[in-house]
Amino acid sequence: MKLAIWTQNKAKIKGLTDAASNCVYFEGKVEVEGFNVSSWVNDQPKSLEETILWAKNRAENIKKHWNQADFYVGMEWWLTEIENKVYLFWVTYVLNNSWKWHFWLTQFQEIPEIFKTRVFDGSEELWPVQDELMWDTWNNHKWWSFSVWTDGMLSRSESFEAAFFCAISPFFNKYYK
């Protein structure tokens, strides 16, 4: 099974490779190829709609430039405000060769107020603020936001894997046919 992902970031390619390797629908070898393509959306989307569009555009732009995969994956995390609280979430958008698509949102993790103030309300980026405020727990990116804010109960890769499973399932599950 060949998958194309929106990035050449080794950690993200490994995350998708691990998720696809654990996917019950893929028997045999899984190959993941990373590409840098435009999303035509701000690098830091600040709404659910922008984040979905970011992931969708990345998956579609990979397919337009490299039509050799079985599935094209766009995945992005960002923040959105609901009821005066800000939440971190992933959007996973999966496109197949027939241009059929499904997307999935991960669980929404409420972010602590200090991050809301500095990142969502302010103009700072999340990663530098996390480096500054969470470095002792974060420990050089071994733990990410989901892990730190759940005291290790949910890892970034577990969140990533669940999002991929839910986005890919409608292509195979009999109830979607």
N, C-alpha and C. Protein backbone atom coordinates (compact mmCIF):
# COMPACT_ATOMS: atom_id res chain seq x y z
N MET A 1 0.85 -1.17 0.00
CA MET A 1 0.00 0.00 0.00
C MET A 1 0.89 1.23 0.00
N LYS A 2 0.65 2.14 -0.92
CA LYS A 2 1.43 3.37 -1.00
C LYS A 2 0.60 4.54 -0.49
N LEU A 3 1.22 5.31 0.40
CA LEU A 3 0.58 6.51 0.92
C LEU A 3 1.51 7.68 0.68
N ALA A 4 0.93 8.83 0.36
CA ALA A 4 1.69 10.06 0.20
C ALA A 4 1.23 11.02 1.29
N ILE A 5 2.18 11.65 1.95
CA ILE A 5 1.87 12.56 3.04
C ILE A 5 2.38 13.95 2.69
N TRP A 6 1.79 14.95 3.27
CA TRP A 6 2.01 16.36 2.95
C TRP A 6 3.35 16.93 3.38
N THR A 7 4.20 16.18 4.00
CA THR A 7 5.41 16.73 4.60
C THR A 7 6.60 15.84 4.33
N GLN A 8 7.78 16.41 4.50
CA GLN A 8 9.00 15.60 4.48
C GLN A 8 9.60 15.51 5.88
N ASN A 9 8.86 15.93 6.88
CA ASN A 9 9.29 15.83 8.27
C ASN A 9 9.36 14.35 8.66
N LYS A 10 10.54 13.90 9.06
CA LYS A 10 10.75 12.47 9.35
C LYS A 10 9.84 11.95 10.46
N ALA A 11 9.58 12.75 11.47
CA ALA A 11 8.72 12.30 12.58
C ALA A 11 7.28 12.09 12.11
N LYS A 12 6.80 12.97 11.26
CA LYS A 12 5.44 12.84 10.75
C LYS A 12 5.33 11.68 9.77
N ILE A 13 6.35 11.48 8.94
CA ILE A 13 6.35 10.33 8.03
C ILE A 13 6.37 9.03 8.84
N LYS A 14 7.18 9.00 9.89
CA LYS A 14 7.21 7.81 10.76
C LYS A 14 5.86 7.59 11.43
N GLY A 15 5.23 8.67 11.88
CA GLY A 15 3.91 8.55 12.51
C GLY A 15 2.89 7.94 11.57
N LEU A 16 2.86 8.40 10.32
CA LEU A 16 1.92 7.83 9.36
C LEU A 16 2.31 6.40 9.01
N THR A 17 3.60 6.13 8.88
CA THR A 17 4.05 4.76 8.58
C THR A 17 3.63 3.81 9.69
N ASP A 18 3.84 4.22 10.94
CA ASP A 18 3.44 3.38 12.08
C ASP A 18 1.93 3.15 12.09
N ALA A 19 1.16 4.22 11.87
CA ALA A 19 -0.29 4.09 11.87
C ALA A 19 -0.75 3.17 10.74
N ALA A 20 -0.22 3.39 9.53
CA ALA A 20 -0.62 2.56 8.39
C ALA A 20 -0.20 1.11 8.58
N SER A 21 0.95 0.89 9.22
CA SER A 21 1.42 -0.48 9.47
C SER A 21 0.52 -1.21 10.46
N ASN A 22 -0.16 -0.47 11.32
CA ASN A 22 -1.08 -1.07 12.29
C ASN A 22 -2.52 -1.11 11.80
N CYS A 23 -2.75 -0.63 10.59
CA CYS A 23 -4.10 -0.55 10.04
C CYS A 23 -4.57 -1.92 9.58
N VAL A 24 -5.72 -2.35 10.04
CA VAL A 24 -6.23 -3.69 9.70
C VAL A 24 -6.56 -3.83 8.21
N TYR A 25 -6.74 -2.73 7.51
CA TYR A 25 -7.09 -2.79 6.10
C TYR A 25 -5.89 -3.00 5.18
N PHE A 26 -4.70 -2.76 5.68
CA PHE A 26 -3.51 -2.86 4.85
C PHE A 26 -2.73 -4.11 5.18
N GLU A 27 -2.81 -5.09 4.33
CA GLU A 27 -2.05 -6.32 4.53
C GLU A 27 -0.75 -6.19 3.74
N GLY A 28 0.33 -6.51 4.36
CA GLY A 28 1.60 -6.44 3.65
C GLY A 28 2.34 -5.15 3.91
N LYS A 29 3.26 -4.87 3.01
CA LYS A 29 4.16 -3.75 3.17
C LYS A 29 3.47 -2.41 2.93
N VAL A 30 3.82 -1.44 3.76
CA VAL A 30 3.30 -0.08 3.63
C VAL A 30 4.47 0.83 3.26
N GLU A 31 4.27 1.64 2.22
CA GLU A 31 5.27 2.63 1.83
C GLU A 31 4.67 4.01 1.98
N VAL A 32 5.43 4.90 2.61
CA VAL A 32 4.98 6.28 2.78
C VAL A 32 6.01 7.20 2.16
N GLU A 33 5.56 8.08 1.30
CA GLU A 33 6.42 9.06 0.64
C GLU A 33 5.98 10.45 1.08
N GLY A 34 6.95 11.27 1.44
CA GLY A 34 6.65 12.62 1.89
C GLY A 34 6.89 13.67 0.82
N PHE A 35 6.02 14.67 0.78
CA PHE A 35 6.11 15.75 -0.21
C PHE A 35 5.84 17.09 0.47
N ASN A 36 6.52 18.11 0.00
CA ASN A 36 6.21 19.48 0.42
C ASN A 36 5.34 20.10 -0.64
N VAL A 37 4.10 20.36 -0.30
CA VAL A 37 3.18 21.00 -1.22
C VAL A 37 2.46 22.13 -0.48
N SER A 38 1.95 23.06 -1.24
CA SER A 38 1.26 24.21 -0.66
C SER A 38 -0.14 23.82 -0.18
N SER A 39 -0.57 24.54 0.84
CA SER A 39 -1.95 24.37 1.32
C SER A 39 -2.83 25.51 0.83
N TRP A 40 -2.22 26.59 0.35
CA TRP A 40 -2.92 27.81 -0.04
C TRP A 40 -3.71 28.41 1.11
N VAL A 41 -3.29 28.06 2.32
CA VAL A 41 -3.92 28.58 3.54
C VAL A 41 -2.78 29.07 4.42
N ASN A 42 -3.05 30.00 5.31
CA ASN A 42 -2.04 30.47 6.25
C ASN A 42 -1.35 29.29 6.91
N ASP A 43 -0.05 29.43 7.19
CA ASP A 43 0.69 28.35 7.84
C ASP A 43 0.12 28.02 9.22
N GLN A 44 -0.53 28.98 9.82
CA GLN A 44 -1.14 28.74 11.12
C GLN A 44 -2.63 29.04 11.05
N PRO A 45 -3.43 28.08 10.58
CA PRO A 45 -4.87 28.32 10.52
C PRO A 45 -5.42 28.54 11.93
N LYS A 46 -6.42 29.41 12.05
CA LYS A 46 -6.98 29.72 13.36
C LYS A 46 -8.47 29.43 13.45
N SER A 47 -8.92 28.50 12.64
CA SER A 47 -10.32 28.09 12.75
C SER A 47 -10.42 26.65 12.28
N LEU A 48 -11.49 26.02 12.64
CA LEU A 48 -11.75 24.65 12.20
C LEU A 48 -11.84 24.60 10.67
N GLU A 49 -12.54 25.55 10.09
CA GLU A 49 -12.71 25.57 8.64
C GLU A 49 -11.37 25.72 7.93
N GLU A 50 -10.51 26.62 8.40
CA GLU A 50 -9.20 26.81 7.78
C GLU A 50 -8.34 25.56 7.92
N THR A 51 -8.44 24.89 9.05
CA THR A 51 -7.63 23.70 9.29
C THR A 51 -8.06 22.55 8.39
N ILE A 52 -9.36 22.38 8.22
CA ILE A 52 -9.87 21.36 7.30
C ILE A 52 -9.41 21.68 5.88
N LEU A 53 -9.52 22.94 5.47
CA LEU A 53 -9.09 23.35 4.14
C LEU A 53 -7.59 23.13 3.96
N TRP A 54 -6.81 23.41 5.00
CA TRP A 54 -5.36 23.20 4.96
C TRP A 54 -5.06 21.73 4.64
N ALA A 55 -5.66 20.82 5.41
CA ALA A 55 -5.41 19.38 5.22
C ALA A 55 -5.92 18.91 3.86
N LYS A 56 -7.10 19.36 3.47
CA LYS A 56 -7.68 18.98 2.17
C LYS A 56 -6.79 19.44 1.02
N ASN A 57 -6.39 20.69 1.03
CA ASN A 57 -5.56 21.22 -0.05
C ASN A 57 -4.23 20.49 -0.15
N ARG A 58 -3.65 20.15 0.98
CA ARG A 58 -2.37 19.43 0.94
C ARG A 58 -2.55 18.05 0.30
N ALA A 59 -3.58 17.32 0.69
CA ALA A 59 -3.80 15.99 0.10
C ALA A 59 -4.07 16.11 -1.40
N GLU A 60 -4.91 17.05 -1.79
CA GLU A 60 -5.23 17.21 -3.21
C GLU A 60 -4.02 17.67 -4.01
N ASN A 61 -3.21 18.54 -3.46
CA ASN A 61 -2.03 19.02 -4.19
C ASN A 61 -0.97 17.94 -4.35
N ILE A 62 -0.87 17.03 -3.39
CA ILE A 62 0.04 15.89 -3.57
C ILE A 62 -0.44 15.05 -4.75
N LYS A 63 -1.73 14.75 -4.77
CA LYS A 63 -2.28 13.91 -5.85
C LYS A 63 -2.08 14.56 -7.21
N LYS A 64 -2.24 15.86 -7.28
CA LYS A 64 -2.06 16.58 -8.56
C LYS A 64 -0.62 16.51 -9.06
N HIS A 65 0.33 16.47 -8.12
CA HIS A 65 1.75 16.49 -8.51
C HIS A 65 2.39 15.10 -8.54
N TRP A 66 1.82 14.15 -7.83
CA TRP A 66 2.41 12.81 -7.75
C TRP A 66 1.27 11.81 -7.64
N ASN A 67 0.78 11.35 -8.75
CA ASN A 67 -0.40 10.48 -8.79
C ASN A 67 0.00 9.00 -8.78
N GLN A 68 0.83 8.59 -7.80
CA GLN A 68 1.31 7.22 -7.76
C GLN A 68 1.00 6.51 -6.45
N ALA A 69 0.22 7.12 -5.61
CA ALA A 69 -0.10 6.51 -4.31
C ALA A 69 -1.52 5.94 -4.34
N ASP A 70 -1.80 5.09 -3.36
CA ASP A 70 -3.16 4.60 -3.18
C ASP A 70 -4.00 5.61 -2.40
N PHE A 71 -3.34 6.30 -1.46
CA PHE A 71 -4.00 7.30 -0.63
C PHE A 71 -3.08 8.49 -0.42
N TYR A 72 -3.69 9.66 -0.31
CA TYR A 72 -2.98 10.92 -0.10
C TYR A 72 -3.49 11.50 1.21
N VAL A 73 -2.58 11.86 2.09
CA VAL A 73 -2.95 12.24 3.45
C VAL A 73 -2.50 13.66 3.75
N GLY A 74 -3.45 14.47 4.17
CA GLY A 74 -3.16 15.79 4.70
C GLY A 74 -3.57 15.79 6.15
N MET A 75 -2.69 16.20 7.01
CA MET A 75 -3.01 16.22 8.44
C MET A 75 -2.44 17.50 9.04
N GLU A 76 -3.25 18.17 9.79
CA GLU A 76 -2.81 19.39 10.44
C GLU A 76 -3.48 19.51 11.79
N TRP A 77 -2.75 20.07 12.73
CA TRP A 77 -3.31 20.37 14.04
C TRP A 77 -3.45 21.87 14.13
N TRP A 78 -4.38 22.29 14.88
CA TRP A 78 -4.42 23.71 15.24
C TRP A 78 -5.41 23.94 16.35
N LEU A 79 -5.70 25.19 16.53
CA LEU A 79 -6.49 25.64 17.66
C LEU A 79 -7.80 26.25 17.15
N THR A 80 -8.85 26.02 17.91
CA THR A 80 -10.11 26.67 17.61
C THR A 80 -10.79 27.03 18.91
N GLU A 81 -11.60 28.06 18.86
CA GLU A 81 -12.28 28.53 20.07
C GLU A 81 -13.72 28.03 20.07
N ILE A 82 -14.12 27.46 21.20
CA ILE A 82 -15.48 26.99 21.41
C ILE A 82 -15.87 27.42 22.82
N GLU A 83 -16.95 28.16 22.94
CA GLU A 83 -17.45 28.59 24.25
C GLU A 83 -16.38 29.27 25.10
N ASN A 84 -15.61 30.16 24.48
CA ASN A 84 -14.57 30.94 25.16
C ASN A 84 -13.39 30.12 25.68
N LYS A 85 -13.27 28.90 25.21
CA LYS A 85 -12.09 28.09 25.52
C LYS A 85 -11.44 27.73 24.19
N VAL A 86 -10.15 27.48 24.23
CA VAL A 86 -9.43 27.15 23.00
C VAL A 86 -8.98 25.69 23.08
N TYR A 87 -9.13 24.98 21.97
CA TYR A 87 -8.83 23.56 21.89
C TYR A 87 -7.82 23.27 20.80
N LEU A 88 -6.93 22.35 21.08
CA LEU A 88 -5.97 21.81 20.12
C LEU A 88 -6.58 20.54 19.55
N PHE A 89 -6.45 20.36 18.22
CA PHE A 89 -7.02 19.17 17.59
C PHE A 89 -6.26 18.87 16.31
N TRP A 90 -6.42 17.65 15.80
CA TRP A 90 -5.88 17.25 14.50
C TRP A 90 -7.03 17.11 13.52
N VAL A 91 -6.78 17.48 12.27
CA VAL A 91 -7.67 17.15 11.16
C VAL A 91 -6.87 16.21 10.26
N THR A 92 -7.44 15.07 9.94
CA THR A 92 -6.81 14.14 9.01
C THR A 92 -7.74 13.99 7.82
N TYR A 93 -7.21 14.29 6.65
CA TYR A 93 -7.96 14.26 5.40
C TYR A 93 -7.30 13.22 4.51
N VAL A 94 -8.06 12.21 4.09
CA VAL A 94 -7.52 11.14 3.25
C VAL A 94 -8.29 11.12 1.93
N LEU A 95 -7.52 11.09 0.85
CA LEU A 95 -8.04 11.11 -0.50
C LEU A 95 -7.54 9.87 -1.23
N ASN A 96 -8.40 9.23 -2.03
CA ASN A 96 -7.94 8.08 -2.80
C ASN A 96 -7.76 8.45 -4.27
N ASN A 97 -7.40 7.50 -5.10
CA ASN A 97 -7.14 7.76 -6.52
C ASN A 97 -8.38 8.17 -7.30
N SER A 98 -9.55 7.87 -6.79
CA SER A 98 -10.80 8.25 -7.46
C SER A 98 -11.33 9.59 -6.97
N TRP A 99 -10.51 10.32 -6.22
CA TRP A 99 -10.87 11.62 -5.65
C TRP A 99 -11.97 11.52 -4.61
N LYS A 100 -12.18 10.32 -4.07
CA LYS A 100 -13.10 10.19 -2.93
C LYS A 100 -12.31 10.52 -1.67
N TRP A 101 -12.95 11.13 -0.72
CA TRP A 101 -12.24 11.59 0.47
C TRP A 101 -13.08 11.39 1.73
N HIS A 102 -12.37 11.35 2.82
CA HIS A 102 -12.97 11.34 4.16
C HIS A 102 -12.02 12.10 5.07
N PHE A 103 -12.57 12.76 6.06
CA PHE A 103 -11.70 13.38 7.04
C PHE A 103 -12.21 13.08 8.45
N TRP A 104 -11.33 13.27 9.38
CA TRP A 104 -11.65 12.99 10.77
C TRP A 104 -10.99 14.04 11.65
N LEU A 105 -11.68 14.40 12.70
CA LEU A 105 -11.13 15.29 13.70
C LEU A 105 -10.77 14.45 14.92
N THR A 106 -9.63 14.73 15.51
CA THR A 106 -9.28 14.03 16.73
C THR A 106 -10.08 14.59 17.89
N GLN A 107 -9.82 14.03 19.04
CA GLN A 107 -10.38 14.62 20.25
C GLN A 107 -9.89 16.06 20.35
N PHE A 108 -10.66 16.90 20.98
CA PHE A 108 -10.26 18.28 21.19
C PHE A 108 -9.68 18.37 22.59
N GLN A 109 -8.44 18.80 22.67
CA GLN A 109 -7.76 18.94 23.96
C GLN A 109 -7.77 20.41 24.34
N GLU A 110 -8.45 20.74 25.44
CA GLU A 110 -8.45 22.13 25.89
C GLU A 110 -7.03 22.54 26.24
N ILE A 111 -6.63 23.71 25.77
CA ILE A 111 -5.27 24.16 26.08
C ILE A 111 -5.30 25.04 27.32
N PRO A 112 -4.24 25.02 28.12
CA PRO A 112 -4.18 25.86 29.31
C PRO A 112 -4.26 27.35 28.95
N GLU A 113 -4.79 28.13 29.87
CA GLU A 113 -5.04 29.56 29.65
C GLU A 113 -3.81 30.32 29.18
N ILE A 114 -2.63 30.01 29.72
CA ILE A 114 -1.41 30.74 29.33
C ILE A 114 -1.13 30.57 27.84
N PHE A 115 -1.41 29.40 27.30
CA PHE A 115 -1.21 29.16 25.87
C PHE A 115 -2.27 29.89 25.05
N LYS A 116 -3.50 29.90 25.55
CA LYS A 116 -4.57 30.64 24.87
C LYS A 116 -4.19 32.11 24.77
N THR A 117 -3.73 32.68 25.86
CA THR A 117 -3.39 34.10 25.89
C THR A 117 -2.24 34.42 24.95
N ARG A 118 -1.21 33.62 24.98
CA ARG A 118 -0.01 33.94 24.19
C ARG A 118 -0.10 33.52 22.73
N VAL A 119 -0.80 32.42 22.45
CA VAL A 119 -0.82 31.89 21.09
C VAL A 119 -2.10 32.28 20.36
N PHE A 120 -3.23 31.92 20.91
CA PHE A 120 -4.49 32.14 20.20
C PHE A 120 -4.88 33.62 20.20
N ASP A 121 -4.82 34.25 21.37
CA ASP A 121 -5.17 35.67 21.46
C ASP A 121 -4.03 36.57 21.02
N GLY A 122 -2.81 36.09 21.20
CA GLY A 122 -1.63 36.88 20.85
C GLY A 122 -1.12 36.53 19.48
N SER A 123 0.15 36.77 19.29
CA SER A 123 0.72 36.54 17.97
C SER A 123 1.87 35.56 17.99
N GLU A 124 2.05 34.83 19.10
CA GLU A 124 3.15 33.88 19.19
C GLU A 124 2.76 32.54 18.58
N GLU A 125 3.77 31.78 18.18
CA GLU A 125 3.54 30.44 17.68
C GLU A 125 3.55 29.46 18.84
N LEU A 126 2.82 28.36 18.69
CA LEU A 126 2.67 27.39 19.78
C LEU A 126 4.00 26.75 20.17
N TRP A 127 4.79 26.30 19.18
CA TRP A 127 6.00 25.54 19.51
C TRP A 127 6.99 26.32 20.37
N PRO A 128 7.32 27.58 20.05
CA PRO A 128 8.25 28.30 20.93
C PRO A 128 7.70 28.52 22.34
N VAL A 129 6.39 28.75 22.44
CA VAL A 129 5.79 28.92 23.76
C VAL A 129 5.87 27.60 24.53
N GLN A 130 5.62 26.49 23.86
CA GLN A 130 5.75 25.19 24.51
C GLN A 130 7.18 24.96 24.96
N ASP A 131 8.14 25.28 24.09
CA ASP A 131 9.55 25.11 24.48
C ASP A 131 9.84 25.89 25.76
N GLU A 132 9.39 27.10 25.81
CA GLU A 132 9.66 27.94 26.97
C GLU A 132 8.98 27.44 28.24
N LEU A 133 7.70 27.08 28.13
CA LEU A 133 6.92 26.77 29.33
C LEU A 133 6.93 25.30 29.74
N MET A 134 7.22 24.41 28.80
CA MET A 134 7.07 22.98 29.10
C MET A 134 8.36 22.20 28.92
N TRP A 135 9.49 22.87 28.76
CA TRP A 135 10.71 22.15 28.39
C TRP A 135 11.06 21.05 29.37
N ASP A 136 10.89 21.27 30.66
CA ASP A 136 11.24 20.24 31.64
C ASP A 136 10.42 18.97 31.44
N THR A 137 9.16 19.11 31.09
CA THR A 137 8.31 17.94 30.84
C THR A 137 8.44 17.48 29.40
N TRP A 138 8.50 18.43 28.50
CA TRP A 138 8.57 18.17 27.07
C TRP A 138 9.83 17.39 26.74
N ASN A 139 10.94 17.76 27.36
CA ASN A 139 12.22 17.06 27.23
C ASN A 139 12.62 16.79 25.78
N ASN A 140 12.88 17.89 25.09
CA ASN A 140 13.38 17.80 23.72
C ASN A 140 12.43 17.05 22.79
N HIS A 141 11.16 17.36 22.87
CA HIS A 141 10.13 16.84 21.97
C HIS A 141 9.85 15.34 22.12
N LYS A 142 10.18 14.74 23.24
CA LYS A 142 9.79 13.35 23.45
C LYS A 142 8.33 13.27 23.86
N TRP A 143 7.84 14.31 24.52
CA TRP A 143 6.43 14.43 24.85
C TRP A 143 5.90 15.65 24.14
N TRP A 144 4.72 15.55 23.57
CA TRP A 144 4.12 16.68 22.89
C TRP A 144 2.92 17.16 23.70
N SER A 145 2.21 18.12 23.15
CA SER A 145 1.12 18.77 23.89
C SER A 145 0.14 17.78 24.49
N PHE A 146 -0.38 16.87 23.67
CA PHE A 146 -1.36 15.92 24.18
C PHE A 146 -0.79 15.14 25.36
N SER A 147 0.46 14.74 25.26
CA SER A 147 1.09 13.97 26.34
C SER A 147 1.26 14.80 27.59
N VAL A 148 1.79 16.02 27.43
CA VAL A 148 2.04 16.87 28.59
C VAL A 148 0.74 17.21 29.28
N TRP A 149 -0.26 17.60 28.51
CA TRP A 149 -1.51 18.07 29.11
C TRP A 149 -2.42 16.94 29.59
N THR A 150 -2.09 15.69 29.29
CA THR A 150 -2.82 14.54 29.85
C THR A 150 -1.94 13.73 30.79
N ASP A 151 -0.83 14.31 31.20
CA ASP A 151 0.14 13.63 32.08
C ASP A 151 0.54 12.26 31.53
N GLY A 152 0.75 12.21 30.22
CA GLY A 152 1.25 11.00 29.60
C GLY A 152 0.20 9.96 29.24
N MET A 153 -1.07 10.25 29.48
CA MET A 153 -2.11 9.26 29.17
C MET A 153 -2.40 9.15 27.67
N LEU A 154 -2.10 10.20 26.90
CA LEU A 154 -2.34 10.18 25.46
C LEU A 154 -1.14 10.79 24.76
N SER A 155 -0.49 10.00 23.94
CA SER A 155 0.69 10.51 23.22
C SER A 155 0.26 11.14 21.91
N ARG A 156 1.15 11.91 21.35
CA ARG A 156 0.92 12.52 20.05
C ARG A 156 0.73 11.43 18.99
N SER A 157 1.55 10.40 19.04
CA SER A 157 1.45 9.35 18.04
C SER A 157 0.14 8.56 18.18
N GLU A 158 -0.33 8.36 19.40
CA GLU A 158 -1.63 7.68 19.59
C GLU A 158 -2.76 8.52 19.02
N SER A 159 -2.69 9.82 19.23
CA SER A 159 -3.69 10.71 18.68
C SER A 159 -3.65 10.69 17.15
N PHE A 160 -2.44 10.74 16.61
CA PHE A 160 -2.21 10.70 15.16
C PHE A 160 -2.75 9.40 14.58
N GLU A 161 -2.45 8.28 15.23
CA GLU A 161 -2.88 6.98 14.75
C GLU A 161 -4.40 6.86 14.76
N ALA A 162 -5.04 7.29 15.84
CA ALA A 162 -6.49 7.22 15.92
C ALA A 162 -7.15 8.06 14.83
N ALA A 163 -6.60 9.24 14.57
CA ALA A 163 -7.16 10.10 13.53
C ALA A 163 -7.04 9.44 12.16
N PHE A 164 -5.89 8.81 11.89
CA PHE A 164 -5.71 8.13 10.61
C PHE A 164 -6.68 6.96 10.48
N PHE A 165 -6.81 6.14 11.53
CA PHE A 165 -7.73 4.99 11.48
C PHE A 165 -9.15 5.44 11.16
N CYS A 166 -9.59 6.50 11.81
CA CYS A 166 -10.95 6.97 11.61
C CYS A 166 -11.15 7.57 10.22
N ALA A 167 -10.14 8.23 9.68
CA ALA A 167 -10.25 8.83 8.35
C ALA A 167 -10.17 7.79 7.23
N ILE A 168 -9.43 6.70 7.44
CA ILE A 168 -9.26 5.70 6.39
C ILE A 168 -10.40 4.66 6.41
N SER A 169 -11.02 4.45 7.55
CA SER A 169 -12.04 3.40 7.69
C SER A 169 -13.20 3.49 6.70
N PRO A 170 -13.74 4.68 6.41
CA PRO A 170 -14.87 4.72 5.46
C PRO A 170 -14.55 4.19 4.07
N PHE A 171 -13.28 4.13 3.70
CA PHE A 171 -12.92 3.57 2.40
C PHE A 171 -13.11 2.06 2.38
N PHE A 172 -13.11 1.42 3.54
CA PHE A 172 -13.12 -0.04 3.63
C PHE A 172 -14.30 -0.62 4.40
N ASN A 173 -14.77 0.07 5.39
CA ASN A 173 -15.82 -0.45 6.28
C ASN A 173 -17.13 -0.64 5.53
N LYS A 174 -17.76 -1.80 5.74
CA LYS A 174 -18.98 -2.14 4.99
C LYS A 174 -20.14 -1.18 5.24
N TYR A 175 -20.18 -0.53 6.37
CA TYR A 175 -21.30 0.35 6.68
C TYR A 175 -21.27 1.66 5.89
N TYR A 176 -20.13 1.97 5.29
CA TYR A 176 -20.03 3.17 4.47
C TYR A 176 -20.30 2.88 3.00
N LYS A 177 -20.46 1.62 2.66
CA LYS A 177 -20.65 1.24 1.26
C LYS A 177 -22.10 1.36 0.84
